[in-house]
Each structure stands twice: as C-alpha cells, then as structure tokens.
C-alpha cells in the first residue's frame, strides 16, 4: 500500500488485481460452458446408442414401438378377414 497523500491510503495494484480477477472469471465461465456442452454431448451419444425400436418419444420417422404395433394390428386384421372369407367359401 502506498501513501500518496497525508491521511489517504491507496493501493497500487488494484488495476492488476481487477484484470486478473476478470481473466480468472472469464476462464471459469468458459470451463463451465464447456462442461455443460460435454454433458449434453454425452447424453446425445448415450441416446444414439440405445435402441430406437422401443423409443416412445421418437418423432424422426424411424421405426418405433407404435408403428410396429400398428403394423401388427393391420396384419392381424387382414389375416382375420382372409380367414373369414376362406371359411365362407368352403361352405
């Protein structure tokens, strides 16, 4: 601390300390943002590794459990209709 005027005390290093503080906090913010980004990437990579066949929330046009069930229902209905017609034709 340097005494510049009688009765007043000033610190010589405030500018350097403030600059260092700002640089440290900027790097802290960058690290936090990078950490959040890495968490998001990890979640996306885990999601891409899981099976999309049983993905209930998928809306990207891939095969899902709902479309699989709809296809089975349609196939069953057509099979039942064909079985019913064949049974009528045999009588």
PDB file of N, CA and C in Angstrom:
ATOM      1  N   UNK A   1       0.851  -1.167   0.000  1.00  0.00           N
ATOM      2  CA  UNK A   1       0.000   0.000   0.000  1.00  0.00           C
ATOM      3  C   UNK A   1       0.896   1.228   0.000  1.00  0.00           C
ATOM      4  N   UNK A   2       0.495   2.176  -0.768  1.00  0.00           N
ATOM      5  CA  UNK A   2       1.311   3.385  -0.880  1.00  0.00           C
ATOM      6  C   UNK A   2       0.517   4.572  -0.340  1.00  0.00           C
ATOM      7  N   UNK A   3       1.166   5.390   0.427  1.00  0.00           N
ATOM      8  CA  UNK A   3       0.536   6.607   0.931  1.00  0.00           C
ATOM      9  C   UNK A   3       0.873   7.735  -0.036  1.00  0.00           C
ATOM     10  N   UNK A   4      -0.154   8.181  -0.754  1.00  0.00           N
ATOM     11  CA  UNK A   4       0.126   9.241  -1.719  1.00  0.00           C
ATOM     12  C   UNK A   4      -0.136  10.627  -1.130  1.00  0.00           C
ATOM     13  N   UNK A   5      -1.139  10.715  -0.300  1.00  0.00           N
ATOM     14  CA  UNK A   5      -1.462  11.991   0.322  1.00  0.00           C
ATOM     15  C   UNK A   5      -1.571  11.746   1.820  1.00  0.00           C
ATOM     16  N   UNK A   6      -1.305  12.697   2.595  1.00  0.00           N
ATOM     17  CA  UNK A   6      -1.416  12.510   4.042  1.00  0.00           C
ATOM     18  C   UNK A   6      -2.858  12.192   4.435  1.00  0.00           C
ATOM     19  N   UNK A   7      -3.059  11.079   5.101  1.00  0.00           N
ATOM     20  CA  UNK A   7      -4.386  10.710   5.564  1.00  0.00           C
ATOM     21  C   UNK A   7      -5.147   9.828   4.588  1.00  0.00           C
ATOM     22  N   UNK A   8      -4.695   9.700   3.349  1.00  0.00           N
ATOM     23  CA  UNK A   8      -5.386   8.874   2.369  1.00  0.00           C
ATOM     24  C   UNK A   8      -4.492   7.680   2.021  1.00  0.00           C
ATOM     25  N   UNK A   9      -5.103   6.501   1.943  1.00  0.00           N
ATOM     26  CA  UNK A   9      -4.350   5.299   1.615  1.00  0.00           C
ATOM     27  C   UNK A   9      -4.901   4.722   0.323  1.00  0.00           C
ATOM     28  N   UNK A  10      -4.015   4.485  -0.628  1.00  0.00           N
ATOM     29  CA  UNK A  10      -4.404   3.890  -1.914  1.00  0.00           C
ATOM     30  C   UNK A  10      -3.590   2.632  -2.126  1.00  0.00           C
ATOM     31  N   UNK A  11      -4.163   1.697  -2.849  1.00  0.00           N
ATOM     32  CA  UNK A  11      -3.396   0.511  -3.208  1.00  0.00           C
ATOM     33  C   UNK A  11      -2.926   0.673  -4.643  1.00  0.00           C
ATOM     34  N   UNK A  12      -1.710   0.289  -4.856  1.00  0.00           N
ATOM     35  CA  UNK A  12      -1.112   0.457  -6.176  1.00  0.00           C
ATOM     36  C   UNK A  12      -1.607  -0.616  -7.133  1.00  0.00           C
ATOM     37  N   UNK A  13      -1.927  -1.807  -6.666  1.00  0.00           N
ATOM     38  CA  UNK A  13      -2.205  -2.932  -7.545  1.00  0.00           C
ATOM     39  C   UNK A  13      -3.665  -3.195  -7.865  1.00  0.00           C
ATOM     40  N   UNK A  14      -4.585  -2.248  -7.656  1.00  0.00           N
ATOM     41  CA  UNK A  14      -5.999  -2.516  -7.927  1.00  0.00           C
ATOM     42  C   UNK A  14      -6.257  -2.868  -9.381  1.00  0.00           C
ATOM     43  N   UNK A  15      -5.676  -2.156 -10.307  1.00  0.00           N
ATOM     44  CA  UNK A  15      -5.934  -2.403 -11.730  1.00  0.00           C
ATOM     45  C   UNK A  15      -5.468  -3.802 -12.118  1.00  0.00           C
ATOM     46  N   UNK A  16      -4.292  -4.177 -11.672  1.00  0.00           N
ATOM     47  CA  UNK A  16      -3.770  -5.505 -11.998  1.00  0.00           C
ATOM     48  C   UNK A  16      -4.612  -6.597 -11.344  1.00  0.00           C
ATOM     49  N   UNK A  17      -5.038  -6.355 -10.096  1.00  0.00           N
ATOM     50  CA  UNK A  17      -5.877  -7.356  -9.418  1.00  0.00           C
ATOM     51  C   UNK A  17      -7.230  -7.489 -10.097  1.00  0.00           C
ATOM     52  N   UNK A  18      -7.829  -6.375 -10.491  1.00  0.00           N
ATOM     53  CA  UNK A  18      -9.117  -6.434 -11.183  1.00  0.00           C
ATOM     54  C   UNK A  18      -8.989  -7.139 -12.527  1.00  0.00           C
ATOM     55  N   UNK A  19      -7.929  -6.859 -13.266  1.00  0.00           N
ATOM     56  CA  UNK A  19      -7.704  -7.506 -14.547  1.00  0.00           C
ATOM     57  C   UNK A  19      -7.525  -9.020 -14.358  1.00  0.00           C
ATOM     58  N   UNK A  20      -6.770  -9.413 -13.351  1.00  0.00           N
ATOM     59  CA  UNK A  20      -6.568 -10.837 -13.080  1.00  0.00           C
ATOM     60  C   UNK A  20      -7.882 -11.503 -12.682  1.00  0.00           C
ATOM     61  N   UNK A  21      -8.681 -10.813 -11.877  1.00  0.00           N
ATOM     62  CA  UNK A  21      -9.981 -11.354 -11.463  1.00  0.00           C
ATOM     63  C   UNK A  21     -10.889 -11.573 -12.682  1.00  0.00           C
ATOM     64  N   UNK A  22     -10.932 -10.602 -13.563  1.00  0.00           N
ATOM     65  CA  UNK A  22     -11.773 -10.717 -14.759  1.00  0.00           C
ATOM     66  C   UNK A  22     -11.302 -11.872 -15.633  1.00  0.00           C
ATOM     67  N   UNK A  23      -9.997 -12.018 -15.804  1.00  0.00           N
ATOM     68  CA  UNK A  23      -9.475 -13.118 -16.618  1.00  0.00           C
ATOM     69  C   UNK A  23      -9.799 -14.469 -15.989  1.00  0.00           C
ATOM     70  N   UNK A  24      -9.677 -14.571 -14.677  1.00  0.00           N
ATOM     71  CA  UNK A  24      -9.994 -15.821 -13.987  1.00  0.00           C
ATOM     72  C   UNK A  24     -11.476 -16.152 -14.125  1.00  0.00           C
ATOM     73  N   UNK A  25     -12.327 -15.162 -13.954  1.00  0.00           N
ATOM     74  CA  UNK A  25     -13.766 -15.412 -14.054  1.00  0.00           C
ATOM     75  C   UNK A  25     -14.175 -15.744 -15.487  1.00  0.00           C
ATOM     76  N   UNK A  26     -13.524 -15.140 -16.477  1.00  0.00           N
ATOM     77  CA  UNK A  26     -13.799 -15.487 -17.874  1.00  0.00           C
ATOM     78  C   UNK A  26     -13.444 -16.949 -18.143  1.00  0.00           C
ATOM     79  N   UNK A  27     -12.292 -17.373 -17.662  1.00  0.00           N
ATOM     80  CA  UNK A  27     -11.895 -18.768 -17.849  1.00  0.00           C
ATOM     81  C   UNK A  27     -12.836 -19.711 -17.093  1.00  0.00           C
ATOM     82  N   UNK A  28     -13.290 -19.282 -15.919  1.00  0.00           N
ATOM     83  CA  UNK A  28     -14.248 -20.084 -15.154  1.00  0.00           C
ATOM     84  C   UNK A  28     -15.548 -20.256 -15.940  1.00  0.00           C
ATOM     85  N   UNK A  29     -16.014 -19.174 -16.530  1.00  0.00           N
ATOM     86  CA  UNK A  29     -17.242 -19.239 -17.339  1.00  0.00           C
ATOM     87  C   UNK A  29     -17.048 -20.141 -18.552  1.00  0.00           C
ATOM     88  N   UNK A  30     -15.900 -20.044 -19.202  1.00  0.00           N
ATOM     89  CA  UNK A  30     -15.619 -20.904 -20.355  1.00  0.00           C
ATOM     90  C   UNK A  30     -15.600 -22.376 -19.944  1.00  0.00           C
ATOM     91  N   UNK A  31     -14.972 -22.667 -18.797  1.00  0.00           N
ATOM     92  CA  UNK A  31     -14.918 -24.050 -18.324  1.00  0.00           C
ATOM     93  C   UNK A  31     -16.301 -24.582 -17.980  1.00  0.00           C
ATOM     94  N   UNK A  32     -17.130 -23.758 -17.344  1.00  0.00           N
ATOM     95  CA  UNK A  32     -18.494 -24.180 -17.008  1.00  0.00           C
ATOM     96  C   UNK A  32     -19.311 -24.433 -18.272  1.00  0.00           C
ATOM     97  N   UNK A  33     -19.183 -23.538 -19.262  1.00  0.00           N
ATOM     98  CA  UNK A  33     -19.899 -23.738 -20.523  1.00  0.00           C
ATOM     99  C   UNK A  33     -19.429 -25.001 -21.232  1.00  0.00           C
ATOM    100  N   UNK A  34     -18.128 -25.235 -21.224  1.00  0.00           N
ATOM    101  CA  UNK A  34     -17.578 -26.436 -21.856  1.00  0.00           C
ATOM    102  C   UNK A  34     -18.070 -27.689 -21.132  1.00  0.00           C
ATOM    103  N   UNK A  35     -18.163 -27.626 -19.796  1.00  0.00           N
ATOM    104  CA  UNK A  35     -18.635 -28.770 -19.024  1.00  0.00           C
ATOM    105  C   UNK A  35     -20.103 -29.071 -19.351  1.00  0.00           C
ATOM    106  N   UNK A  36     -20.932 -28.026 -19.451  1.00  0.00           N
ATOM    107  CA  UNK A  36     -22.338 -28.228 -19.821  1.00  0.00           C
ATOM    108  C   UNK A  36     -22.454 -28.809 -21.228  1.00  0.00           C
ATOM    109  N   UNK A  37     -21.635 -28.324 -22.136  1.00  0.00           N
ATOM    110  CA  UNK A  37     -21.647 -28.834 -23.507  1.00  0.00           C
ATOM    111  C   UNK A  37     -21.236 -30.300 -23.553  1.00  0.00           C
ATOM    112  N   UNK A  38     -20.216 -30.663 -22.781  1.00  0.00           N
ATOM    113  CA  UNK A  38     -19.771 -32.059 -22.746  1.00  0.00           C
ATOM    114  C   UNK A  38     -20.854 -32.964 -22.151  1.00  0.00           C
ATOM    115  N   UNK A  39     -21.593 -32.474 -21.149  1.00  0.00           N
ATOM    116  CA  UNK A  39     -22.692 -33.265 -20.597  1.00  0.00           C
ATOM    117  C   UNK A  39     -23.768 -33.496 -21.654  1.00  0.00           C
ATOM    118  N   UNK A  40     -24.086 -32.456 -22.432  1.00  0.00           N
ATOM    119  CA  UNK A  40     -25.091 -32.605 -23.482  1.00  0.00           C
ATOM    120  C   UNK A  40     -24.627 -33.591 -24.551  1.00  0.00           C
ATOM    121  N   UNK A  41     -23.352 -33.511 -24.931  1.00  0.00           N
ATOM    122  CA  UNK A  41     -22.811 -34.425 -25.937  1.00  0.00           C
ATOM    123  C   UNK A  41     -22.859 -35.862 -25.418  1.00  0.00           C
ATOM    124  N   UNK A  42     -22.502 -36.049 -24.152  1.00  0.00           N
ATOM    125  CA  UNK A  42     -22.533 -37.387 -23.565  1.00  0.00           C
ATOM    126  C   UNK A  42     -23.947 -37.952 -23.570  1.00  0.00           C
ATOM    127  N   UNK A  43     -24.936 -37.128 -23.222  1.00  0.00           N
ATOM    128  CA  UNK A  43     -26.328 -37.588 -23.232  1.00  0.00           C
ATOM    129  C   UNK A  43     -26.771 -37.953 -24.643  1.00  0.00           C
ATOM    130  N   UNK A  44     -26.382 -37.137 -25.617  1.00  0.00           N
ATOM    131  CA  UNK A  44     -26.758 -37.436 -27.004  1.00  0.00           C
ATOM    132  C   UNK A  44     -26.084 -38.710 -27.498  1.00  0.00           C
ATOM    133  N   UNK A  45     -24.833 -38.919 -27.127  1.00  0.00           N
ATOM    134  CA  UNK A  45     -24.150 -40.145 -27.535  1.00  0.00           C
ATOM    135  C   UNK A  45     -24.783 -41.358 -26.892  1.00  0.00           C
ATOM    136  N   UNK A  46     -25.180 -41.256 -25.624  1.00  0.00           N
ATOM    137  CA  UNK A  46     -25.844 -42.376 -24.959  1.00  0.00           C
ATOM    138  C   UNK A  46     -27.196 -42.652 -25.606  1.00  0.00           C
ATOM    139  N   UNK A  47     -27.898 -41.592 -25.966  1.00  0.00           N
ATOM    140  CA  UNK A  47     -29.212 -41.757 -26.583  1.00  0.00           C
ATOM    141  C   UNK A  47     -29.090 -42.414 -27.954  1.00  0.00           C
ATOM    142  N   UNK A  48     -28.024 -42.094 -28.691  1.00  0.00           N
ATOM    143  CA  UNK A  48     -27.856 -42.690 -30.017  1.00  0.00           C
ATOM    144  C   UNK A  48     -27.462 -44.158 -29.926  1.00  0.00           C
ATOM    145  N   UNK A  49     -26.900 -44.580 -28.787  1.00  0.00           N
ATOM    146  CA  UNK A  49     -26.508 -45.977 -28.630  1.00  0.00           C
ATOM    147  C   UNK A  49     -27.682 -46.865 -28.249  1.00  0.00           C
ATOM    148  N   UNK A  50     -28.730 -46.290 -27.672  1.00  0.00           N
ATOM    149  CA  UNK A  50     -29.871 -47.095 -27.258  1.00  0.00           C
ATOM    150  C   UNK A  50     -30.709 -47.473 -28.463  1.00  0.00           C
ATOM    151  N   UNK A  51     -31.518 -48.481 -28.305  1.00  0.00           N
ATOM    152  CA  UNK A  51     -32.355 -48.969 -29.388  1.00  0.00           C
ATOM    153  C   UNK A  51     -33.473 -47.992 -29.686  1.00  0.00           C
ATOM    154  N   UNK A  52     -33.673 -47.698 -30.939  1.00  0.00           N
ATOM    155  CA  UNK A  52     -34.753 -46.803 -31.338  1.00  0.00           C
ATOM    156  C   UNK A  52     -36.064 -47.567 -31.535  1.00  0.00           C
ATOM    157  N   UNK A  53     -36.009 -48.888 -31.463  1.00  0.00           N
ATOM    158  CA  UNK A  53     -37.209 -49.685 -31.653  1.00  0.00           C
ATOM    159  C   UNK A  53     -38.210 -49.442 -30.531  1.00  0.00           C
ATOM    160  N   UNK A  54     -37.719 -49.250 -29.330  1.00  0.00           N
ATOM    161  CA  UNK A  54     -38.597 -49.031 -28.190  1.00  0.00           C
ATOM    162  C   UNK A  54     -38.589 -47.574 -27.738  1.00  0.00           C
ATOM    163  N   UNK A  55     -38.293 -46.660 -28.633  1.00  0.00           N
ATOM    164  CA  UNK A  55     -38.238 -45.242 -28.305  1.00  0.00           C
ATOM    165  C   UNK A  55     -39.636 -44.651 -28.396  1.00  0.00           C
ATOM    166  N   UNK A  56     -40.209 -44.324 -27.250  1.00  0.00           N
ATOM    167  CA  UNK A  56     -41.570 -43.794 -27.212  1.00  0.00           C
ATOM    168  C   UNK A  56     -41.634 -42.332 -27.634  1.00  0.00           C
ATOM    169  N   UNK A  57     -40.554 -41.592 -27.465  1.00  0.00           N
ATOM    170  CA  UNK A  57     -40.558 -40.157 -27.741  1.00  0.00           C
ATOM    171  C   UNK A  57     -40.030 -39.805 -29.119  1.00  0.00           C
ATOM    172  N   UNK A  58     -39.685 -40.783 -29.918  1.00  0.00           N
ATOM    173  CA  UNK A  58     -39.083 -40.514 -31.213  1.00  0.00           C
ATOM    174  C   UNK A  58     -40.130 -39.998 -32.195  1.00  0.00           C
ATOM    175  N   UNK A  59     -39.787 -38.905 -32.869  1.00  0.00           N
ATOM    176  CA  UNK A  59     -40.668 -38.353 -33.900  1.00  0.00           C
ATOM    177  C   UNK A  59     -39.909 -38.157 -35.198  1.00  0.00           C
ATOM    178  N   UNK A  60     -38.779 -38.831 -35.356  1.00  0.00           N
ATOM    179  CA  UNK A  60     -37.951 -38.601 -36.531  1.00  0.00           C
ATOM    180  C   UNK A  60     -38.225 -39.579 -37.663  1.00  0.00           C
ATOM    181  N   UNK A  61     -39.331 -40.289 -37.628  1.00  0.00           N
ATOM    182  CA  UNK A  61     -39.736 -41.133 -38.743  1.00  0.00           C
ATOM    183  C   UNK A  61     -39.158 -42.520 -38.721  1.00  0.00           C
ATOM    184  N   UNK A  62     -38.437 -42.891 -37.713  1.00  0.00           N
ATOM    185  CA  UNK A  62     -37.865 -44.234 -37.652  1.00  0.00           C
ATOM    186  C   UNK A  62     -38.881 -45.195 -37.054  1.00  0.00           C
ATOM    187  N   UNK A  63     -38.545 -46.454 -37.130  1.00  0.00           N
ATOM    188  CA  UNK A  63     -39.414 -47.493 -36.605  1.00  0.00           C
ATOM    189  C   UNK A  63     -39.521 -47.347 -35.090  1.00  0.00           C
ATOM    190  N   UNK A  64     -40.724 -47.221 -34.598  1.00  0.00           N
ATOM    191  CA  UNK A  64     -40.942 -47.102 -33.164  1.00  0.00           C
ATOM    192  C   UNK A  64     -41.899 -48.198 -32.735  1.00  0.00           C
ATOM    193  N   UNK A  65     -42.097 -48.291 -31.450  1.00  0.00           N
ATOM    194  CA  UNK A  65     -42.996 -49.307 -30.917  1.00  0.00           C
ATOM    195  C   UNK A  65     -44.421 -49.088 -31.422  1.00  0.00           C
ATOM    196  N   UNK A  66     -44.849 -47.837 -31.545  1.00  0.00           N
ATOM    197  CA  UNK A  66     -46.189 -47.537 -32.043  1.00  0.00           C
ATOM    198  C   UNK A  66     -46.392 -47.976 -33.478  1.00  0.00           C
ATOM    199  N   UNK A  67     -45.421 -47.706 -34.332  1.00  0.00           N
ATOM    200  CA  UNK A  67     -45.571 -48.116 -35.730  1.00  0.00           C
ATOM    201  C   UNK A  67     -45.493 -49.631 -35.854  1.00  0.00           C
ATOM    202  N   UNK A  68     -44.685 -50.263 -35.013  1.00  0.00           N
ATOM    203  CA  UNK A  68     -44.614 -51.723 -35.020  1.00  0.00           C
ATOM    204  C   UNK A  68     -45.957 -52.323 -34.602  1.00  0.00           C
ATOM    205  N   UNK A  69     -46.561 -51.759 -33.559  1.00  0.00           N
ATOM    206  CA  UNK A  69     -47.871 -52.246 -33.111  1.00  0.00           C
ATOM    207  C   UNK A  69     -48.953 -52.000 -34.150  1.00  0.00           C
ATOM    208  N   UNK A  70     -48.888 -50.844 -34.823  1.00  0.00           N
ATOM    209  CA  UNK A  70     -49.855 -50.555 -35.880  1.00  0.00           C
ATOM    210  C   UNK A  70     -49.738 -51.527 -37.043  1.00  0.00           C
ATOM    211  N   UNK A  71     -48.504 -51.870 -37.397  1.00  0.00           N
ATOM    212  CA  UNK A  71     -48.282 -52.843 -38.465  1.00  0.00           C
ATOM    213  C   UNK A  71     -48.794 -54.222 -38.085  1.00  0.00           C
ATOM    214  N   UNK A  72     -48.585 -54.608 -36.830  1.00  0.00           N
ATOM    215  CA  UNK A  72     -49.089 -55.909 -36.370  1.00  0.00           C
ATOM    216  C   UNK A  72     -50.612 -55.934 -36.353  1.00  0.00           C
ATOM    217  N   UNK A  73     -51.227 -54.821 -35.956  1.00  0.00           N
ATOM    218  CA  UNK A  73     -52.687 -54.745 -35.939  1.00  0.00           C
ATOM    219  C   UNK A  73     -53.249 -54.851 -37.355  1.00  0.00           C
ATOM    220  N   UNK A  74     -52.629 -54.162 -38.298  1.00  0.00           N
ATOM    221  CA  UNK A  74     -53.074 -54.226 -39.692  1.00  0.00           C
ATOM    222  C   UNK A  74     -52.906 -55.637 -40.254  1.00  0.00           C
ATOM    223  N   UNK A  75     -51.785 -56.275 -39.987  1.00  0.00           N
ATOM    224  CA  UNK A  75     -51.554 -57.638 -40.463  1.00  0.00           C
ATOM    225  C   UNK A  75     -52.560 -58.609 -39.858  1.00  0.00           C
ATOM    226  N   UNK A  76     -52.823 -58.462 -38.570  1.00  0.00           N
ATOM    227  CA  UNK A  76     -53.798 -59.331 -37.906  1.00  0.00           C
ATOM    228  C   UNK A  76     -55.197 -59.149 -38.466  1.00  0.00           C
ATOM    229  N   UNK A  77     -55.568 -57.901 -38.738  1.00  0.00           N
ATOM    230  CA  UNK A  77     -56.896 -57.626 -39.308  1.00  0.00           C
ATOM    231  C   UNK A  77     -57.022 -58.235 -40.701  1.00  0.00           C
ATOM    232  N   UNK A  78     -56.003 -58.094 -41.516  1.00  0.00           N
ATOM    233  CA  UNK A  78     -56.049 -58.682 -42.861  1.00  0.00           C
ATOM    234  C   UNK A  78     -56.078 -60.210 -42.799  1.00  0.00           C
ATOM    235  N   UNK A  79     -55.332 -60.781 -41.874  1.00  0.00           N
ATOM    236  CA  UNK A  79     -55.339 -62.240 -41.729  1.00  0.00           C
ATOM    237  C   UNK A  79     -56.709 -62.728 -41.276  1.00  0.00           C
ATOM    238  N   UNK A  80     -57.319 -62.020 -40.351  1.00  0.00           N
ATOM    239  CA  UNK A  80     -58.653 -62.394 -39.867  1.00  0.00           C
ATOM    240  C   UNK A  80     -59.688 -62.268 -40.973  1.00  0.00           C
ATOM    241  N   UNK A  81     -59.599 -61.198 -41.775  1.00  0.00           N
ATOM    242  CA  UNK A  81     -60.542 -61.026 -42.890  1.00  0.00           C
ATOM    243  C   UNK A  81     -60.343 -62.137 -43.924  1.00  0.00           C
ATOM    244  N   UNK A  82     -59.114 -62.495 -44.234  1.00  0.00           N
ATOM    245  CA  UNK A  82     -58.849 -63.575 -45.193  1.00  0.00           C
ATOM    246  C   UNK A  82     -59.326 -64.914 -44.661  1.00  0.00           C
ATOM    247  N   UNK A  83     -59.115 -65.158 -43.375  1.00  0.00           N
ATOM    248  CA  UNK A  83     -59.577 -66.409 -42.776  1.00  0.00           C
ATOM    249  C   UNK A  83     -61.100 -66.491 -42.803  1.00  0.00           C
ATOM    250  N   UNK A  84     -61.764 -65.351 -42.565  1.00  0.00           N
ATOM    251  CA  UNK A  84     -63.225 -65.332 -42.576  1.00  0.00           C
ATOM    252  C   UNK A  84     -63.757 -65.592 -43.976  1.00  0.00           C
ATOM    253  N   UNK A  85     -63.167 -64.998 -45.019  1.00  0.00           N
ATOM    254  CA  UNK A  85     -63.605 -65.228 -46.388  1.00  0.00           C
ATOM    255  C   UNK A  85     -63.363 -66.667 -46.821  1.00  0.00           C
ATOM    256  N   UNK A  86     -62.224 -67.196 -46.440  1.00  0.00           N
ATOM    257  CA  UNK A  86     -61.918 -68.582 -46.818  1.00  0.00           C
ATOM    258  C   UNK A  86     -62.899 -69.533 -46.159  1.00  0.00           C
ATOM    259  N   UNK A  87     -63.287 -69.248 -44.935  1.00  0.00           N
ATOM    260  CA  UNK A  87     -64.239 -70.093 -44.222  1.00  0.00           C
ATOM    261  C   UNK A  87     -65.622 -70.035 -44.908  1.00  0.00           C
ATOM    262  N   UNK A  88     -66.008 -68.822 -45.403  1.00  0.00           N
ATOM    263  CA  UNK A  88     -67.305 -68.681 -46.096  1.00  0.00           C
ATOM    264  C   UNK A  88     -67.278 -69.402 -47.442  1.00  0.00           C
ATOM    265  N   UNK A  89     -66.156 -69.366 -48.158  1.00  0.00           N
ATOM    266  CA  UNK A  89     -66.040 -70.001 -49.458  1.00  0.00           C
ATOM    267  C   UNK A  89     -66.036 -71.524 -49.359  1.00  0.00           C
ATOM    268  N   UNK A  90     -65.614 -72.090 -48.246  1.00  0.00           N
ATOM    269  CA  UNK A  90     -65.587 -73.535 -48.071  1.00  0.00           C
ATOM    270  C   UNK A  90     -66.966 -74.107 -47.834  1.00  0.00           C
ATOM    271  N   UNK A  91     -67.914 -73.335 -47.359  1.00  0.00           N
ATOM    272  CA  UNK A  91     -69.251 -73.845 -47.047  1.00  0.00           C
ATOM    273  C   UNK A  91     -70.088 -74.019 -48.250  1.00  0.00           C
TER     274      UNK A  91
END
